[in-house]
Amino acid sequence: MNRLQDKVVIITGGAQGMGKLHAKRALEEGAKVVITDVNEEGGRQTEKELGDGVIFLKHDVSSEADWKNVIDTVIAKWGRVDGLVNNAGITFNTPLEELSLENYLKIVNINQVSVFLGMKLIAPIMKKQETGSIVNISSMNGIVGGAIGYTDTKFAVRGMTKAASRELSPYNIRVNSVHPGVIQTPMLDREDAKAAIEQMKKAIPMRRVAQPEEVSNMVVFLISDEASYSTGSEFVIDGGITAL
């Protein structure tokens, strides 16, 4: 299929993990893909693995100057940006009383401020085009509680998505958030994690964790013209756990 044929898509945090898979799926659907990440070694490797149609740019998502450089570079190369996937994110599994202010603000800057900067700086480009799709990767913890810091910022991403969608809708710019639950990643296959994961599955109504492709397929859908009337919405991929 070519649902993203010739669309130019920027994906932050694209050097590895889910960002890398989002890039792969977008490429398969015909997009020209720009992956950005602070991890230059991983980004270059992913660029090489995915081949033609993908370029890597080193990018600290909490830096306004870096954002401007990324967008200017993409515009110079292709003249437009059709999709922005704000995927970069971190967390610290640290109790409230033990989480330092330094680490708390690091989570806020990478998970929340980066989304604000990306939307702020891409908006003029998409307004000029009179089209565009912004996909903000939140979490099921943007709907229900989880780790301090991570939950806070993922709720914020959900709220920013709604606010931005109201402002940008008249320009045919769509803004949506994606809320994954537990995803099957290599970390879940570790021997020391298997028992806990099996127990976790019992709490999920669908009795399984998400396959990574199930999240990337949603991202592709939201960038594509198939989602042309969807904006300001949460797209939850959690097997029903937040419905309990």
Protein backbone atom coordinates (compact mmCIF):
# COMPACT_ATOMS: atom_id res chain seq x y z
CA MET A 1 0.00 0.00 0.00
CA ASN A 2 1.06 3.62 -0.51
CA ARG A 3 -1.06 5.53 1.98
CA LEU A 4 1.75 8.02 2.60
CA GLN A 5 3.03 8.28 -0.96
CA ASP A 6 5.42 11.25 -1.27
CA LYS A 7 4.45 12.67 2.13
CA VAL A 8 7.36 14.07 4.15
CA VAL A 9 7.29 12.85 7.74
CA ILE A 10 9.49 13.82 10.71
CA ILE A 11 9.71 11.27 13.56
CA THR A 12 11.51 12.21 16.77
CA GLY A 13 13.21 9.55 18.87
CA GLY A 14 13.58 7.52 15.68
CA ALA A 15 16.97 5.93 16.28
CA GLN A 16 15.55 2.86 17.99
CA GLY A 17 12.50 1.24 19.57
CA MET A 18 9.03 2.32 18.53
CA GLY A 19 10.30 5.41 16.70
CA LYS A 20 12.39 3.20 14.44
CA LEU A 21 9.37 1.01 13.68
CA HIS A 22 7.17 4.06 12.99
CA ALA A 23 9.81 5.14 10.47
CA LYS A 24 9.92 1.71 8.85
CA ARG A 25 6.14 1.57 8.45
CA ALA A 26 5.95 5.12 7.09
CA LEU A 27 8.68 4.27 4.58
CA GLU A 28 6.80 1.13 3.52
CA GLU A 29 3.75 3.31 2.87
CA GLY A 30 5.68 5.56 0.49
CA ALA A 31 6.76 8.42 2.76
CA LYS A 32 10.01 10.33 2.75
CA VAL A 33 11.10 9.96 6.38
CA VAL A 34 13.30 12.08 8.62
CA ILE A 35 14.29 10.42 11.88
CA THR A 36 15.75 12.58 14.63
CA ASP A 37 17.42 11.59 17.86
CA VAL A 38 20.10 12.67 20.31
CA ASN A 39 21.60 9.18 19.81
CA GLU A 40 23.73 9.87 16.74
CA GLU A 41 25.31 6.41 16.51
CA GLY A 42 21.94 4.66 16.68
CA GLY A 43 20.38 7.15 14.28
CA ARG A 44 23.08 6.64 11.67
CA GLN A 45 22.71 2.87 11.99
CA THR A 46 18.93 3.07 11.55
CA GLU A 47 19.36 5.39 8.57
CA LYS A 48 21.67 2.78 7.01
CA GLU A 49 19.32 -0.12 7.82
CA LEU A 50 16.20 1.52 6.43
CA GLY A 51 17.97 2.73 3.29
CA ASP A 52 16.78 5.15 0.63
CA GLY A 53 13.99 7.48 1.64
CA VAL A 54 15.23 7.93 5.22
CA ILE A 55 17.58 10.58 6.54
CA PHE A 56 18.84 11.04 10.10
CA LEU A 57 19.36 14.36 11.86
CA LYS A 58 20.89 14.70 15.31
CA HIS A 59 18.35 16.49 17.48
CA ASP A 60 17.92 17.42 21.11
CA VAL A 61 14.12 17.69 21.23
CA SER A 62 14.24 20.02 24.22
CA SER A 63 16.25 22.59 22.22
CA GLU A 64 14.37 25.22 20.19
CA ALA A 65 17.51 25.83 18.12
CA ASP A 66 17.74 22.13 17.24
CA TRP A 67 14.08 22.09 16.25
CA LYS A 68 14.62 25.07 13.94
CA ASN A 69 17.62 23.35 12.37
CA VAL A 70 15.67 20.15 11.72
CA ILE A 71 12.71 21.93 10.15
CA ASP A 72 14.91 24.26 8.08
CA THR A 73 16.89 21.25 6.80
CA VAL A 74 13.76 19.34 5.82
CA ILE A 75 12.23 22.37 4.08
CA ALA A 76 15.47 23.00 2.18
CA LYS A 77 15.47 19.39 0.97
CA TRP A 78 11.80 18.74 0.24
CA GLY A 79 9.99 22.04 0.61
CA ARG A 80 7.25 20.74 2.90
CA VAL A 81 6.38 18.69 5.99
CA ASP A 82 3.20 16.61 5.86
CA GLY A 83 3.51 14.73 9.13
CA LEU A 84 5.18 15.22 12.50
CA VAL A 85 5.34 12.35 14.98
CA ASN A 86 6.39 13.56 18.44
CA ASN A 87 7.65 10.21 19.66
CA ALA A 88 10.73 11.01 21.80
CA GLY A 89 10.26 10.33 25.50
CA ILE A 90 11.89 9.10 28.71
CA THR A 91 10.93 8.05 32.21
CA PHE A 92 12.57 7.31 35.55
CA ASN A 93 10.94 4.62 37.65
CA THR A 94 11.65 6.55 40.83
CA PRO A 95 9.26 7.07 43.77
CA LEU A 96 7.87 10.58 44.29
CA GLU A 97 9.99 11.34 47.37
CA GLU A 98 13.17 10.11 45.70
CA LEU A 99 12.82 11.78 42.30
CA SER A 100 15.20 14.74 42.07
CA LEU A 101 14.05 18.05 40.64
CA GLU A 102 16.79 17.74 38.03
CA ASN A 103 15.45 14.43 36.76
CA TYR A 104 11.84 15.59 37.01
CA LEU A 105 12.59 18.58 34.80
CA LYS A 106 14.50 16.35 32.37
CA ILE A 107 11.33 14.28 31.91
CA VAL A 108 9.26 17.45 31.46
CA ASN A 109 11.67 18.89 28.89
CA ILE A 110 11.91 15.74 26.78
CA ASN A 111 8.32 14.46 27.07
CA GLN A 112 6.37 17.73 27.22
CA VAL A 113 8.36 20.79 26.19
CA SER A 114 9.56 18.97 23.06
CA VAL A 115 5.97 18.46 21.93
CA PHE A 116 5.20 22.14 22.46
CA LEU A 117 8.30 23.16 20.47
CA GLY A 118 7.58 20.75 17.65
CA MET A 119 4.00 21.91 17.24
CA LYS A 120 4.91 25.60 17.61
CA LEU A 121 7.61 25.50 14.94
CA ILE A 122 5.87 23.20 12.46
CA ALA A 123 2.58 25.14 12.59
CA PRO A 124 3.67 27.99 10.24
CA ILE A 125 4.87 25.45 7.66
CA MET A 126 1.64 23.46 7.74
CA LYS A 127 -0.49 26.64 7.75
CA LYS A 128 1.23 27.78 4.56
CA GLN A 129 0.56 24.36 3.02
CA GLU A 130 -3.00 24.36 4.37
CA THR A 131 -2.55 20.74 5.34
CA GLY A 132 -0.68 18.57 7.82
CA SER A 133 -0.96 15.94 10.53
CA ILE A 134 0.68 16.01 13.96
CA VAL A 135 0.73 12.78 15.96
CA ASN A 136 1.74 13.11 19.61
CA ILE A 137 2.74 9.86 21.29
CA SER A 138 1.32 9.87 24.80
CA SER A 139 0.61 6.67 26.76
CA MET A 140 -2.18 4.89 28.56
CA ASN A 141 -0.60 6.77 31.49
CA GLY A 142 -1.92 9.91 29.85
CA ILE A 143 -5.36 8.57 30.80
CA VAL A 144 -4.71 6.63 34.02
CA GLY A 145 -1.99 6.97 36.65
CA GLY A 146 1.52 5.56 36.45
CA ALA A 147 5.02 6.70 37.39
CA ILE A 148 5.40 10.26 38.70
CA GLY A 149 6.89 12.55 36.06
CA TYR A 150 6.02 10.24 33.20
CA THR A 151 2.29 10.32 33.97
CA ASP A 152 2.30 14.08 34.46
CA THR A 153 3.89 14.75 31.09
CA LYS A 154 1.76 12.21 29.21
CA PHE A 155 -1.39 13.86 30.58
CA ALA A 156 0.08 17.18 29.42
CA VAL A 157 0.65 15.81 25.93
CA ARG A 158 -3.00 14.78 25.82
CA GLY A 159 -4.09 18.29 26.84
CA MET A 160 -1.72 20.07 24.46
CA THR A 161 -3.04 17.92 21.64
CA LYS A 162 -6.61 19.06 22.27
CA ALA A 163 -5.63 22.73 22.63
CA ALA A 164 -3.52 22.72 19.46
CA SER A 165 -6.18 20.87 17.48
CA ARG A 166 -8.74 23.59 18.23
CA GLU A 167 -6.36 26.31 17.10
CA LEU A 168 -5.04 24.57 13.99
CA SER A 169 -8.16 22.84 12.65
CA PRO A 170 -9.25 25.86 10.54
CA TYR A 171 -6.01 25.46 8.58
CA ASN A 172 -6.70 21.78 7.79
CA ILE A 173 -4.04 20.70 10.29
CA ARG A 174 -4.97 17.68 12.37
CA VAL A 175 -3.51 16.97 15.82
CA ASN A 176 -4.12 13.67 17.60
CA SER A 177 -2.59 11.69 20.45
CA VAL A 178 -1.77 7.99 20.57
CA HIS A 179 -1.93 6.14 23.90
CA PRO A 180 -0.16 2.75 23.85
CA GLY A 181 -0.45 0.29 26.69
CA VAL A 182 2.04 -2.53 27.29
CA ILE A 183 3.95 -3.26 24.08
CA GLN A 184 5.82 -6.45 23.20
CA THR A 185 9.45 -5.34 23.18
CA PRO A 186 12.68 -7.32 23.64
CA MET A 187 12.72 -6.26 27.30
CA LEU A 188 9.53 -8.27 27.90
CA ASP A 189 11.25 -11.42 26.62
CA ARG A 190 13.86 -11.40 29.38
CA GLU A 191 13.68 -14.42 31.66
CA ASP A 192 13.45 -12.23 34.76
CA ALA A 193 10.43 -10.40 33.31
CA LYS A 194 8.36 -13.27 31.92
CA ALA A 195 6.52 -14.14 35.13
CA ALA A 196 5.57 -10.52 35.75
CA ILE A 197 4.36 -10.11 32.16
CA GLU A 198 2.21 -13.22 32.37
CA GLN A 199 0.63 -11.84 35.52
CA MET A 200 0.15 -8.45 33.85
CA LYS A 201 -1.67 -10.05 30.91
CA LYS A 202 -4.36 -11.27 33.28
CA ALA A 203 -5.25 -7.64 34.04
CA ILE A 204 -5.63 -6.78 30.34
CA PRO A 205 -9.13 -7.51 29.01
CA MET A 206 -7.73 -8.84 25.71
CA ARG A 207 -5.33 -11.05 27.70
CA ARG A 208 -2.26 -10.08 25.67
CA VAL A 209 0.17 -7.21 25.20
CA ALA A 210 0.25 -5.09 22.04
CA GLN A 211 2.46 -6.00 19.12
CA PRO A 212 4.65 -3.03 18.11
CA GLU A 213 3.11 -2.98 14.63
CA GLU A 214 -0.31 -2.31 16.16
CA VAL A 215 0.96 1.04 17.39
CA SER A 216 2.83 1.93 14.20
CA ASN A 217 -0.21 1.07 12.09
CA MET A 218 -2.22 3.62 14.07
CA VAL A 219 0.48 6.25 13.57
CA VAL A 220 0.46 5.63 9.81
CA PHE A 221 -3.34 5.85 9.74
CA LEU A 222 -3.33 9.20 11.53
CA ILE A 223 -0.74 10.69 9.19
CA SER A 224 -2.62 9.42 6.17
CA ASP A 225 -5.57 11.04 4.41
CA GLU A 226 -7.72 8.17 5.67
CA ALA A 227 -7.89 10.03 8.99
CA SER A 228 -8.89 13.31 7.34
CA TYR A 229 -11.75 14.05 9.78
CA SER A 230 -10.02 12.95 12.99
CA THR A 231 -8.49 15.64 15.18
CA GLY A 232 -8.18 16.45 18.87
CA SER A 233 -8.75 12.82 19.75
CA GLU A 234 -7.10 10.11 21.82
CA PHE A 235 -6.39 6.85 20.02
CA VAL A 236 -5.91 4.22 22.70
CA ILE A 237 -4.07 0.94 22.00
CA ASP A 238 -4.16 -0.86 25.33
CA GLY A 239 -6.27 -4.00 24.93
CA GLY A 240 -9.04 -2.38 26.97
CA ILE A 241 -7.17 -1.84 30.22
CA THR A 242 -8.14 1.84 30.62
CA ALA A 243 -11.79 0.89 30.06
CA LEU A 244 -11.87 -1.00 33.37
